[in-house]
Amino acid sequence: MLYTAFLDDAMALAPDGVAGELWVADGSPGLIGELKGRYPEAMVRVQPEGSLGARLRTAFASAFGDGVEYAVAVGSDHPTLPAAYLRTAFQLLESVELVIGPASDGGYYAIGVRRSAWGVARGVFEGAPWSEPNLLEWVRSRAGDIGIACAELPSWYDVDWPEDLARMEKDLIEGSATAAAWAELRGKSAGGPQGPVS
């Protein structure tokens, strides 16, 4: 229930005029059909095998192949992320090649690339230390090494474990799917979820 709410809120982050895409690991027809029904305005695509870097490269290459000028990838594990951050990301891409949204765990919650820079910018997805606390620093350094201009959004946080829920609860956005799901869960169990939440 909670993860579905996270995904609903992530899909609602796309700024006006920006086409949303949902990349999923499970390509079963039943799930794809369900997601297409739930998010009729979005393109639902199946992630390829491989590292997160390989999956991100595929997503960006697909977007640029479709002719978009700017693309931003954002995860679904930060349900209280302000939508304004994503609007800012697209605005920044008008003047820089790369935009990063730093996450408090040392990674990033969003990354955006300008189409004209993709040939070089794809290098920030190759050989990166995925799921390591130095990922963000590595991307910053790599961007400098390959000579692309990078801007950063305000820092935010992921919700991955029970200890992250207290902060999430303080930041819940009124009317969001996560706020509704959390209220229902809190009504069912005072202790809340006991394992990973995403």
C-alpha atoms as a PDB file:
ATOM      1  CA  MET A   1       0.000   0.000   0.000  1.00  0.00           C
ATOM      2  CA  LEU A   2       2.691   2.475   1.016  1.00  0.00           C
ATOM      3  CA  TYR A   3       4.924   1.782  -1.972  1.00  0.00           C
ATOM      4  CA  THR A   4       1.980   2.184  -4.359  1.00  0.00           C
ATOM      5  CA  ALA A   5       1.313   5.564  -2.755  1.00  0.00           C
ATOM      6  CA  PHE A   6       4.995   6.491  -3.190  1.00  0.00           C
ATOM      7  CA  LEU A   7       4.699   5.638  -6.879  1.00  0.00           C
ATOM      8  CA  ASP A   8       1.471   7.638  -7.262  1.00  0.00           C
ATOM      9  CA  ASP A   9       3.196  10.693  -5.793  1.00  0.00           C
ATOM     10  CA  ALA A  10       6.315  10.190  -7.920  1.00  0.00           C
ATOM     11  CA  MET A  11       4.197  10.055 -11.078  1.00  0.00           C
ATOM     12  CA  ALA A  12       2.491  13.290 -10.051  1.00  0.00           C
ATOM     13  CA  LEU A  13       5.814  15.160  -9.915  1.00  0.00           C
ATOM     14  CA  ALA A  14       6.114  15.758 -13.663  1.00  0.00           C
ATOM     15  CA  PRO A  15       5.788  19.487 -14.365  1.00  0.00           C
ATOM     16  CA  ASP A  16       3.002  20.687 -16.659  1.00  0.00           C
ATOM     17  CA  GLY A  17       3.856  19.956 -20.258  1.00  0.00           C
ATOM     18  CA  VAL A  18       6.383  17.225 -19.391  1.00  0.00           C
ATOM     19  CA  ALA A  19       5.533  13.698 -20.519  1.00  0.00           C
ATOM     20  CA  GLY A  20       5.978  11.145 -17.752  1.00  0.00           C
ATOM     21  CA  GLU A  21       7.479   7.699 -18.272  1.00  0.00           C
ATOM     22  CA  LEU A  22       7.482   4.793 -15.846  1.00  0.00           C
ATOM     23  CA  TRP A  23      10.322   2.282 -16.131  1.00  0.00           C
ATOM     24  CA  VAL A  24       9.594  -0.979 -14.326  1.00  0.00           C
ATOM     25  CA  ALA A  25      11.658  -4.081 -13.634  1.00  0.00           C
ATOM     26  CA  ASP A  26       8.761  -6.521 -14.019  1.00  0.00           C
ATOM     27  CA  GLY A  27       7.626  -6.808 -17.624  1.00  0.00           C
ATOM     28  CA  SER A  28       4.750  -9.217 -17.035  1.00  0.00           C
ATOM     29  CA  PRO A  29       1.735  -8.297 -19.181  1.00  0.00           C
ATOM     30  CA  GLY A  30      -0.584  -8.222 -16.165  1.00  0.00           C
ATOM     31  CA  LEU A  31       1.522  -5.669 -14.310  1.00  0.00           C
ATOM     32  CA  ILE A  32       2.162  -3.556 -17.400  1.00  0.00           C
ATOM     33  CA  GLY A  33      -1.561  -3.466 -18.121  1.00  0.00           C
ATOM     34  CA  GLU A  34      -2.347  -2.531 -14.528  1.00  0.00           C
ATOM     35  CA  LEU A  35       0.187   0.300 -14.544  1.00  0.00           C
ATOM     36  CA  LYS A  36      -1.030   1.617 -17.896  1.00  0.00           C
ATOM     37  CA  GLY A  37      -4.528   1.685 -16.463  1.00  0.00           C
ATOM     38  CA  ARG A  38      -3.362   3.452 -13.301  1.00  0.00           C
ATOM     39  CA  TYR A  39      -1.247   6.036 -15.152  1.00  0.00           C
ATOM     40  CA  PRO A  40      -2.956   6.483 -18.529  1.00  0.00           C
ATOM     41  CA  GLU A  41      -0.988   9.612 -19.427  1.00  0.00           C
ATOM     42  CA  ALA A  42       2.407   7.921 -18.925  1.00  0.00           C
ATOM     43  CA  MET A  43       4.444   5.653 -21.154  1.00  0.00           C
ATOM     44  CA  VAL A  44       5.210   2.403 -19.281  1.00  0.00           C
ATOM     45  CA  ARG A  45       8.476   0.776 -20.300  1.00  0.00           C
ATOM     46  CA  VAL A  46      10.409  -2.273 -19.090  1.00  0.00           C
ATOM     47  CA  GLN A  47      13.881  -1.748 -17.658  1.00  0.00           C
ATOM     48  CA  PRO A  48      16.713  -3.704 -19.269  1.00  0.00           C
ATOM     49  CA  GLU A  49      18.938  -6.070 -17.322  1.00  0.00           C
ATOM     50  CA  GLY A  50      22.131  -4.699 -15.826  1.00  0.00           C
ATOM     51  CA  SER A  51      23.334  -2.080 -13.396  1.00  0.00           C
ATOM     52  CA  LEU A  52      21.420   1.037 -12.438  1.00  0.00           C
ATOM     53  CA  GLY A  53      23.787   2.898 -14.741  1.00  0.00           C
ATOM     54  CA  ALA A  54      22.819   0.698 -17.687  1.00  0.00           C
ATOM     55  CA  ARG A  55      19.135   1.187 -16.928  1.00  0.00           C
ATOM     56  CA  LEU A  56      19.508   4.956 -16.656  1.00  0.00           C
ATOM     57  CA  ARG A  57      21.476   5.114 -19.921  1.00  0.00           C
ATOM     58  CA  THR A  58      18.692   3.202 -21.644  1.00  0.00           C
ATOM     59  CA  ALA A  59      16.017   5.522 -20.234  1.00  0.00           C
ATOM     60  CA  PHE A  60      17.835   8.682 -21.306  1.00  0.00           C
ATOM     61  CA  ALA A  61      18.733   7.277 -24.729  1.00  0.00           C
ATOM     62  CA  SER A  62      15.086   6.351 -25.246  1.00  0.00           C
ATOM     63  CA  ALA A  63      13.873   9.817 -24.250  1.00  0.00           C
ATOM     64  CA  PHE A  64      16.361  11.567 -26.514  1.00  0.00           C
ATOM     65  CA  GLY A  65      15.549   9.131 -29.305  1.00  0.00           C
ATOM     66  CA  ASP A  66      11.946  10.283 -28.963  1.00  0.00           C
ATOM     67  CA  GLY A  67      13.127  13.839 -29.565  1.00  0.00           C
ATOM     68  CA  VAL A  68      12.907  15.456 -26.124  1.00  0.00           C
ATOM     69  CA  GLU A  69      15.401  18.222 -25.374  1.00  0.00           C
ATOM     70  CA  TYR A  70      15.699  17.678 -21.614  1.00  0.00           C
ATOM     71  CA  ALA A  71      15.088  14.556 -19.526  1.00  0.00           C
ATOM     72  CA  VAL A  72      15.085  14.066 -15.763  1.00  0.00           C
ATOM     73  CA  ALA A  73      15.095  10.679 -14.033  1.00  0.00           C
ATOM     74  CA  VAL A  74      13.651  10.545 -10.520  1.00  0.00           C
ATOM     75  CA  GLY A  75      13.125   7.611  -8.186  1.00  0.00           C
ATOM     76  CA  SER A  76       9.996   6.668  -6.277  1.00  0.00           C
ATOM     77  CA  ASP A  77      11.481   6.413  -2.780  1.00  0.00           C
ATOM     78  CA  HIS A  78      11.185  10.073  -1.736  1.00  0.00           C
ATOM     79  CA  PRO A  79       7.429  10.653  -1.483  1.00  0.00           C
ATOM     80  CA  THR A  80       7.698  14.089   0.116  1.00  0.00           C
ATOM     81  CA  LEU A  81       9.974  15.551  -2.564  1.00  0.00           C
ATOM     82  CA  PRO A  82       8.751  19.072  -3.417  1.00  0.00           C
ATOM     83  CA  ALA A  83       7.467  19.225  -6.992  1.00  0.00           C
ATOM     84  CA  ALA A  84       9.197  22.603  -7.318  1.00  0.00           C
ATOM     85  CA  TYR A  85      12.561  20.819  -7.318  1.00  0.00           C
ATOM     86  CA  LEU A  86      11.669  19.017 -10.543  1.00  0.00           C
ATOM     87  CA  ARG A  87      10.432  22.220 -12.156  1.00  0.00           C
ATOM     88  CA  THR A  88      13.759  23.805 -11.222  1.00  0.00           C
ATOM     89  CA  ALA A  89      15.637  20.874 -12.751  1.00  0.00           C
ATOM     90  CA  PHE A  90      14.063  21.482 -16.152  1.00  0.00           C
ATOM     91  CA  GLN A  91      14.690  25.210 -15.886  1.00  0.00           C
ATOM     92  CA  LEU A  92      18.369  24.632 -15.067  1.00  0.00           C
ATOM     93  CA  LEU A  93      18.801  22.323 -18.057  1.00  0.00           C
ATOM     94  CA  GLU A  94      18.218  25.300 -20.304  1.00  0.00           C
ATOM     95  CA  SER A  95      21.661  26.576 -19.288  1.00  0.00           C
ATOM     96  CA  VAL A  96      23.667  23.541 -18.076  1.00  0.00           C
ATOM     97  CA  GLU A  97      24.227  20.032 -19.391  1.00  0.00           C
ATOM     98  CA  LEU A  98      23.633  18.101 -16.178  1.00  0.00           C
ATOM     99  CA  VAL A  99      21.480  18.562 -13.070  1.00  0.00           C
ATOM    100  CA  ILE A 100      21.768  16.497  -9.904  1.00  0.00           C
ATOM    101  CA  GLY A 101      19.456  16.297  -6.901  1.00  0.00           C
ATOM    102  CA  PRO A 102      21.721  15.268  -3.990  1.00  0.00           C
ATOM    103  CA  ALA A 103      20.322  12.710  -1.566  1.00  0.00           C
ATOM    104  CA  SER A 104      21.270  12.734   2.102  1.00  0.00           C
ATOM    105  CA  ASP A 105      22.679   9.192   1.848  1.00  0.00           C
ATOM    106  CA  GLY A 106      25.422  10.269  -0.565  1.00  0.00           C
ATOM    107  CA  GLY A 107      23.607   9.361  -3.769  1.00  0.00           C
ATOM    108  CA  TYR A 108      21.077  11.360  -5.743  1.00  0.00           C
ATOM    109  CA  TYR A 109      17.290  11.421  -5.923  1.00  0.00           C
ATOM    110  CA  ALA A 110      17.160  12.872  -9.433  1.00  0.00           C
ATOM    111  CA  ILE A 111      19.463  13.423 -12.369  1.00  0.00           C
ATOM    112  CA  GLY A 112      18.761  15.376 -15.523  1.00  0.00           C
ATOM    113  CA  VAL A 113      20.572  15.695 -18.836  1.00  0.00           C
ATOM    114  CA  ARG A 114      20.285  17.997 -21.834  1.00  0.00           C
ATOM    115  CA  ARG A 115      19.944  16.173 -25.147  1.00  0.00           C
ATOM    116  CA  SER A 116      22.716  18.153 -26.839  1.00  0.00           C
ATOM    117  CA  ALA A 117      25.184  16.933 -24.194  1.00  0.00           C
ATOM    118  CA  TRP A 118      24.114  13.282 -24.083  1.00  0.00           C
ATOM    119  CA  GLY A 119      27.057  11.975 -26.096  1.00  0.00           C
ATOM    120  CA  VAL A 120      29.433  13.161 -23.370  1.00  0.00           C
ATOM    121  CA  ALA A 121      27.116  13.221 -20.326  1.00  0.00           C
ATOM    122  CA  ARG A 122      26.417   9.498 -20.588  1.00  0.00           C
ATOM    123  CA  GLY A 123      29.853   9.115 -19.024  1.00  0.00           C
ATOM    124  CA  VAL A 124      28.424   9.924 -15.580  1.00  0.00           C
ATOM    125  CA  PHE A 125      26.568   6.591 -15.687  1.00  0.00           C
ATOM    126  CA  GLU A 126      29.546   4.451 -16.690  1.00  0.00           C
ATOM    127  CA  GLY A 127      31.636   2.888 -13.927  1.00  0.00           C
ATOM    128  CA  ALA A 128      29.819   4.727 -11.122  1.00  0.00           C
ATOM    129  CA  PRO A 129      29.883   3.269  -7.582  1.00  0.00           C
ATOM    130  CA  TRP A 130      26.167   2.462  -7.431  1.00  0.00           C
ATOM    131  CA  SER A 131      24.603   2.165  -3.952  1.00  0.00           C
ATOM    132  CA  GLU A 132      27.773   3.492  -2.345  1.00  0.00           C
ATOM    133  CA  PRO A 133      27.882   6.582  -0.101  1.00  0.00           C
ATOM    134  CA  ASN A 134      30.371   8.297  -2.418  1.00  0.00           C
ATOM    135  CA  LEU A 135      28.182   8.149  -5.545  1.00  0.00           C
ATOM    136  CA  LEU A 136      27.345  11.845  -5.525  1.00  0.00           C
ATOM    137  CA  GLU A 137      30.972  12.892  -5.115  1.00  0.00           C
ATOM    138  CA  TRP A 138      31.939  10.517  -7.911  1.00  0.00           C
ATOM    139  CA  VAL A 139      29.357  12.062 -10.267  1.00  0.00           C
ATOM    140  CA  ARG A 140      30.521  15.582  -9.423  1.00  0.00           C
ATOM    141  CA  SER A 141      34.124  14.599 -10.114  1.00  0.00           C
ATOM    142  CA  ARG A 142      33.264  12.700 -13.284  1.00  0.00           C
ATOM    143  CA  ALA A 143      31.264  15.634 -14.656  1.00  0.00           C
ATOM    144  CA  GLY A 144      34.293  17.867 -14.151  1.00  0.00           C
ATOM    145  CA  ASP A 145      36.603  15.321 -15.771  1.00  0.00           C
ATOM    146  CA  ILE A 146      34.494  15.058 -18.925  1.00  0.00           C
ATOM    147  CA  GLY A 147      33.913  18.817 -19.065  1.00  0.00           C
ATOM    148  CA  ILE A 148      30.186  19.199 -18.628  1.00  0.00           C
ATOM    149  CA  ALA A 149      28.522  22.001 -16.669  1.00  0.00           C
ATOM    150  CA  CYS A 150      26.570  20.684 -13.701  1.00  0.00           C
ATOM    151  CA  ALA A 151      24.051  22.355 -11.380  1.00  0.00           C
ATOM    152  CA  GLU A 152      22.604  20.979  -8.177  1.00  0.00           C
ATOM    153  CA  LEU A 153      19.122  21.031  -6.688  1.00  0.00           C
ATOM    154  CA  PRO A 154      18.490  21.273  -2.942  1.00  0.00           C
ATOM    155  CA  SER A 155      19.307  18.118  -1.001  1.00  0.00           C
ATOM    156  CA  TRP A 156      16.518  15.680  -0.084  1.00  0.00           C
ATOM    157  CA  TYR A 157      16.231  12.190   1.384  1.00  0.00           C
ATOM    158  CA  ASP A 158      15.090   8.693   0.482  1.00  0.00           C
ATOM    159  CA  VAL A 159      12.609   6.679   2.518  1.00  0.00           C
ATOM    160  CA  ASP A 160      14.072   3.184   2.623  1.00  0.00           C
ATOM    161  CA  TRP A 161      13.904   1.997   6.231  1.00  0.00           C
ATOM    162  CA  PRO A 162      11.590   2.321   9.255  1.00  0.00           C
ATOM    163  CA  GLU A 163      13.844   4.965  10.797  1.00  0.00           C
ATOM    164  CA  ASP A 164      13.181   7.183   7.752  1.00  0.00           C
ATOM    165  CA  LEU A 165       9.446   7.221   8.406  1.00  0.00           C
ATOM    166  CA  ALA A 166       9.566   9.746  11.251  1.00  0.00           C
ATOM    167  CA  ARG A 167      11.058  12.383   8.963  1.00  0.00           C
ATOM    168  CA  MET A 168       8.635  11.466   6.196  1.00  0.00           C
ATOM    169  CA  GLU A 169       5.694  11.870   8.570  1.00  0.00           C
ATOM    170  CA  LYS A 170       6.801  15.430   9.398  1.00  0.00           C
ATOM    171  CA  ASP A 171       7.065  16.311   5.702  1.00  0.00           C
ATOM    172  CA  LEU A 172       3.885  14.671   4.387  1.00  0.00           C
ATOM    173  CA  ILE A 173       2.169  16.746   1.730  1.00  0.00           C
ATOM    174  CA  GLU A 174      -1.512  17.306   2.449  1.00  0.00           C
ATOM    175  CA  GLY A 175      -3.679  15.580  -0.123  1.00  0.00           C
ATOM    176  CA  SER A 176      -0.883  13.317  -1.363  1.00  0.00           C
ATOM    177  CA  ALA A 177      -1.336   9.586  -1.861  1.00  0.00           C
ATOM    178  CA  THR A 178       1.392   8.915   0.702  1.00  0.00           C
ATOM    179  CA  ALA A 179      -0.321  11.068   3.330  1.00  0.00           C
ATOM    180  CA  ALA A 180      -3.549   9.112   2.836  1.00  0.00           C
ATOM    181  CA  ALA A 181      -1.815   5.723   2.914  1.00  0.00           C
ATOM    182  CA  TRP A 182       0.196   6.672   5.982  1.00  0.00           C
ATOM    183  CA  ALA A 183      -2.917   7.806   7.830  1.00  0.00           C
ATOM    184  CA  GLU A 184      -4.546   4.469   7.041  1.00  0.00           C
ATOM    185  CA  LEU A 185      -1.497   2.484   8.143  1.00  0.00           C
ATOM    186  CA  ARG A 186      -1.192   4.458  11.366  1.00  0.00           C
ATOM    187  CA  GLY A 187      -4.822   3.689  12.061  1.00  0.00           C
ATOM    188  CA  LYS A 188      -4.195  -0.046  11.626  1.00  0.00           C
ATOM    189  CA  SER A 189      -0.934  -0.308  13.562  1.00  0.00           C
ATOM    190  CA  ALA A 190       0.614   2.124  16.000  1.00  0.00           C
ATOM    191  CA  GLY A 191       4.026   0.609  15.284  1.00  0.00           C
ATOM    192  CA  GLY A 192       3.912   1.089  11.513  1.00  0.00           C
ATOM    193  CA  PRO A 193       5.839  -1.060   9.034  1.00  0.00           C
ATOM    194  CA  GLN A 194       8.695  -3.118  10.471  1.00  0.00           C
ATOM    195  CA  GLY A 195      10.867  -3.773   7.409  1.00  0.00           C
ATOM    196  CA  PRO A 196      12.165  -1.893   4.387  1.00  0.00           C
ATOM    197  CA  VAL A 197       9.512   0.341   2.906  1.00  0.00           C
ATOM    198  CA  SER A 198      10.787   0.580  -0.645  1.00  0.00           C
END
